[in-house]
N, C-alpha and C. Protein backbone atom coordinates (compact mmCIF):
# COMPACT_ATOMS: atom_id res chain seq x y z
N THR A 1 -51.35 71.58 -8.05
CA THR A 1 -52.00 70.16 -8.66
C THR A 1 -53.37 70.62 -8.98
N PRO A 2 -53.97 69.74 -9.68
CA PRO A 2 -55.44 70.14 -9.80
C PRO A 2 -56.39 69.76 -9.00
N TYR A 3 -56.04 69.23 -7.67
CA TYR A 3 -56.94 69.02 -6.70
C TYR A 3 -57.04 70.00 -5.76
N TYR A 4 -56.15 71.20 -5.74
CA TYR A 4 -56.39 72.31 -4.74
C TYR A 4 -57.51 73.02 -5.17
N PRO A 5 -57.70 73.51 -6.57
CA PRO A 5 -58.91 74.47 -6.68
C PRO A 5 -60.29 73.90 -6.21
N ALA A 6 -60.54 72.56 -6.09
CA ALA A 6 -61.71 71.97 -5.63
C ALA A 6 -61.83 71.83 -4.11
N ALA A 7 -60.64 71.71 -3.46
CA ALA A 7 -60.48 71.78 -2.06
C ALA A 7 -60.65 73.32 -1.59
N LEU A 8 -60.12 74.22 -2.23
CA LEU A 8 -60.25 75.56 -1.72
C LEU A 8 -61.80 76.11 -1.78
N LYS A 9 -62.25 75.77 -2.87
CA LYS A 9 -63.74 76.18 -3.20
C LYS A 9 -64.47 75.60 -1.85
N GLN A 10 -64.45 74.30 -1.41
CA GLN A 10 -65.02 73.74 -0.30
C GLN A 10 -64.85 74.54 0.91
N LEU A 11 -63.50 74.73 1.01
CA LEU A 11 -63.01 75.53 2.36
C LEU A 11 -63.68 76.92 2.45
N ASN A 12 -63.42 77.60 1.38
CA ASN A 12 -64.14 79.06 1.02
C ASN A 12 -65.64 78.87 1.53
N ALA A 13 -66.49 78.04 0.95
CA ALA A 13 -67.68 77.74 1.25
C ALA A 13 -68.05 77.43 2.67
N ALA A 14 -67.06 76.96 3.47
CA ALA A 14 -67.31 76.70 4.88
C ALA A 14 -66.71 77.93 5.76
N GLY A 15 -66.45 78.99 4.94
CA GLY A 15 -66.00 80.08 5.76
C GLY A 15 -64.54 80.35 6.05
N LEU A 16 -63.87 79.41 5.59
CA LEU A 16 -62.23 79.54 5.71
C LEU A 16 -61.82 80.09 4.46
N HIS A 17 -61.03 81.38 4.48
CA HIS A 17 -60.59 81.94 3.41
C HIS A 17 -59.15 81.67 3.09
N LEU A 18 -58.87 80.67 2.32
CA LEU A 18 -57.46 80.32 1.85
C LEU A 18 -57.30 80.44 0.28
N LYS A 19 -56.11 80.70 -0.03
CA LYS A 19 -55.72 80.87 -1.62
C LYS A 19 -54.35 80.31 -1.70
N VAL A 20 -53.97 79.78 -2.75
CA VAL A 20 -52.81 79.12 -3.30
C VAL A 20 -51.88 80.64 -3.39
N GLY A 21 -50.78 80.57 -2.93
CA GLY A 21 -50.03 82.02 -3.32
C GLY A 21 -48.80 81.77 -3.97
N GLY A 22 -48.33 80.62 -4.30
CA GLY A 22 -47.31 80.44 -5.23
C GLY A 22 -46.19 79.30 -4.54
N VAL A 23 -45.00 79.48 -5.06
CA VAL A 23 -43.85 78.74 -4.66
C VAL A 23 -42.89 79.62 -3.89
N GLU A 24 -42.50 78.77 -2.60
CA GLU A 24 -41.53 79.43 -1.78
C GLU A 24 -40.73 78.30 -1.11
N PRO A 25 -39.48 78.38 -0.74
CA PRO A 25 -38.70 77.37 -0.34
C PRO A 25 -39.29 76.88 1.22
N VAL A 26 -39.01 75.53 1.30
CA VAL A 26 -39.68 75.00 2.59
C VAL A 26 -38.47 74.22 3.17
N ASP A 27 -38.55 74.53 4.53
CA ASP A 27 -37.37 73.87 5.59
C ASP A 27 -38.17 73.25 6.51
N ILE A 28 -38.08 71.69 6.48
CA ILE A 28 -39.16 71.22 7.29
C ILE A 28 -38.68 71.38 8.84
N ASN A 29 -37.52 71.88 9.14
CA ASN A 29 -36.98 72.13 10.50
C ASN A 29 -37.51 73.56 11.12
N GLN A 30 -37.95 74.18 10.30
CA GLN A 30 -38.43 75.50 10.86
C GLN A 30 -39.81 75.85 10.39
N CYS A 31 -40.25 77.12 11.01
CA CYS A 31 -41.55 77.65 10.53
C CYS A 31 -41.39 78.44 9.28
N GLY A 32 -42.25 78.44 8.25
CA GLY A 32 -42.25 79.23 7.25
C GLY A 32 -42.87 80.55 7.65
N PRO A 33 -43.32 81.49 6.68
CA PRO A 33 -43.95 82.68 7.06
C PRO A 33 -45.29 82.58 7.75
N ALA A 34 -45.55 83.45 8.73
CA ALA A 34 -46.74 83.45 9.51
C ALA A 34 -47.93 83.39 8.43
N TYR A 35 -48.95 82.47 8.89
CA TYR A 35 -50.24 82.48 8.10
C TYR A 35 -50.01 81.70 6.72
N HIS A 36 -48.82 81.14 6.52
CA HIS A 36 -48.65 80.10 5.45
C HIS A 36 -48.82 78.79 5.77
N ILE A 37 -49.34 77.85 4.92
CA ILE A 37 -49.41 76.71 5.11
C ILE A 37 -48.76 75.99 4.09
N GLN A 38 -47.47 75.46 4.29
CA GLN A 38 -46.44 74.92 3.18
C GLN A 38 -46.54 73.45 2.94
N VAL A 39 -46.42 73.22 1.73
CA VAL A 39 -46.76 71.83 1.20
C VAL A 39 -45.50 71.29 0.66
N THR A 40 -45.08 70.13 0.94
CA THR A 40 -43.69 69.58 0.37
C THR A 40 -43.96 68.19 0.36
N GLU A 41 -43.06 67.50 -0.19
CA GLU A 41 -42.95 65.82 -0.11
C GLU A 41 -41.57 65.25 0.17
N ARG A 42 -41.77 64.03 0.94
CA ARG A 42 -40.65 63.31 1.32
C ARG A 42 -41.13 61.96 1.13
N ASP A 43 -39.88 61.14 1.12
CA ASP A 43 -40.23 59.62 1.10
C ASP A 43 -40.46 59.18 2.51
N ARG A 44 -41.58 58.74 2.59
CA ARG A 44 -42.08 58.22 3.99
C ARG A 44 -41.73 59.15 5.15
N PRO A 45 -42.34 60.35 5.37
CA PRO A 45 -41.84 61.23 6.31
C PRO A 45 -42.15 60.75 7.78
N LEU A 46 -42.96 59.80 8.05
CA LEU A 46 -42.91 59.25 9.31
C LEU A 46 -42.17 57.72 9.41
N GLY A 47 -41.68 57.56 8.44
CA GLY A 47 -40.67 56.30 8.54
C GLY A 47 -41.48 54.94 8.20
N THR A 48 -42.79 55.14 7.94
CA THR A 48 -43.52 54.04 7.57
C THR A 48 -44.39 54.13 6.26
N PRO A 49 -44.77 53.19 5.74
CA PRO A 49 -45.26 53.15 4.36
C PRO A 49 -46.82 53.77 4.52
N GLY A 50 -47.16 54.49 3.63
CA GLY A 50 -48.78 54.80 3.67
C GLY A 50 -49.10 56.17 4.51
N TRP A 51 -47.96 56.72 5.16
CA TRP A 51 -48.26 57.80 6.02
C TRP A 51 -47.75 59.15 5.51
N SER A 52 -48.52 60.06 5.57
CA SER A 52 -47.98 61.67 5.40
C SER A 52 -47.92 62.36 6.79
N LYS A 53 -47.64 63.68 6.71
CA LYS A 53 -47.32 64.28 7.81
C LYS A 53 -47.99 65.76 8.00
N GLY A 54 -48.69 66.07 8.92
CA GLY A 54 -49.16 67.55 8.95
C GLY A 54 -48.92 67.96 10.22
N VAL A 55 -48.29 69.36 10.44
CA VAL A 55 -47.96 69.76 11.72
C VAL A 55 -48.10 71.19 11.65
N PRO A 56 -48.56 71.62 12.85
CA PRO A 56 -48.85 73.13 13.17
C PRO A 56 -47.24 73.76 13.35
N CYS A 57 -47.11 75.07 13.20
CA CYS A 57 -45.93 75.69 13.50
C CYS A 57 -45.88 76.25 15.03
N PRO A 58 -45.18 75.62 15.85
CA PRO A 58 -45.24 76.00 17.28
C PRO A 58 -44.31 76.89 17.44
N TRP A 59 -43.30 77.66 16.69
CA TRP A 59 -42.38 78.55 16.92
C TRP A 59 -42.86 79.91 16.86
N GLN A 60 -44.12 80.31 16.63
CA GLN A 60 -44.38 81.67 16.41
C GLN A 60 -44.50 82.45 17.73
N PRO A 61 -44.22 83.92 17.39
CA PRO A 61 -44.23 84.63 18.55
C PRO A 61 -45.47 84.35 19.73
N ASP A 62 -45.24 84.47 20.79
CA ASP A 62 -46.31 84.10 21.92
C ASP A 62 -46.96 82.87 22.06
N GLY A 63 -46.25 81.87 21.39
CA GLY A 63 -46.69 80.70 21.14
C GLY A 63 -48.07 80.36 20.47
N LEU A 64 -48.26 81.40 19.54
CA LEU A 64 -49.39 81.22 18.62
C LEU A 64 -49.14 80.44 17.30
N GLY A 65 -49.82 79.45 16.99
CA GLY A 65 -49.73 78.60 15.78
C GLY A 65 -50.29 79.34 14.56
N ARG A 66 -49.45 80.06 13.75
CA ARG A 66 -50.06 80.68 12.61
C ARG A 66 -49.54 80.20 11.44
N GLY A 67 -49.77 79.18 11.14
CA GLY A 67 -49.14 78.45 9.86
C GLY A 67 -48.89 76.89 10.26
N GLY A 68 -48.39 76.25 9.16
CA GLY A 68 -48.11 74.94 9.26
C GLY A 68 -47.51 74.19 8.23
N LEU A 69 -47.21 72.95 8.21
CA LEU A 69 -46.46 72.19 7.11
C LEU A 69 -47.16 70.99 6.79
N VAL A 70 -47.39 70.68 5.68
CA VAL A 70 -47.82 69.26 5.05
C VAL A 70 -46.84 68.61 4.38
N ILE A 71 -46.38 67.47 4.80
CA ILE A 71 -45.67 66.64 4.05
C ILE A 71 -46.14 65.44 3.58
N TYR A 72 -46.32 65.42 2.17
CA TYR A 72 -46.98 64.44 1.54
C TYR A 72 -45.96 63.24 1.40
N ASN A 73 -46.45 61.93 1.59
CA ASN A 73 -45.41 60.72 1.28
C ASN A 73 -45.25 60.67 -0.20
N SER A 74 -44.28 60.62 -0.54
CA SER A 74 -43.97 60.77 -2.13
C SER A 74 -44.52 59.52 -2.78
N GLU A 75 -44.63 58.48 -2.03
CA GLU A 75 -45.15 57.06 -2.56
C GLU A 75 -46.39 57.25 -3.25
N TYR A 76 -47.27 58.31 -2.84
CA TYR A 76 -48.62 58.72 -3.18
C TYR A 76 -48.90 60.03 -4.02
N TRP A 77 -47.75 60.78 -4.11
CA TRP A 77 -47.97 62.08 -4.78
C TRP A 77 -47.81 61.77 -6.24
N THR A 78 -48.68 62.38 -7.11
CA THR A 78 -48.70 62.12 -8.63
C THR A 78 -48.43 63.55 -9.24
N GLY A 79 -48.15 64.51 -8.57
CA GLY A 79 -48.17 65.96 -8.86
C GLY A 79 -46.73 66.25 -9.68
């Protein structure tokens, strides 16, 4: 989407070095690759209008959260 470049520029300026790496399959019931923040969309992921969901990945080795999942509410996604 056109929103990511501006957000990434701000994050990099703050010292967080992120990049958009492409498209990969997302399974909301399991973790993606380590150090990936996956983005997908669902209709009302929390069952309530107006809410999206972001979660860390808790199933990494040694209990380390090294990734996560953002589930946009498709009611507000225009991409």
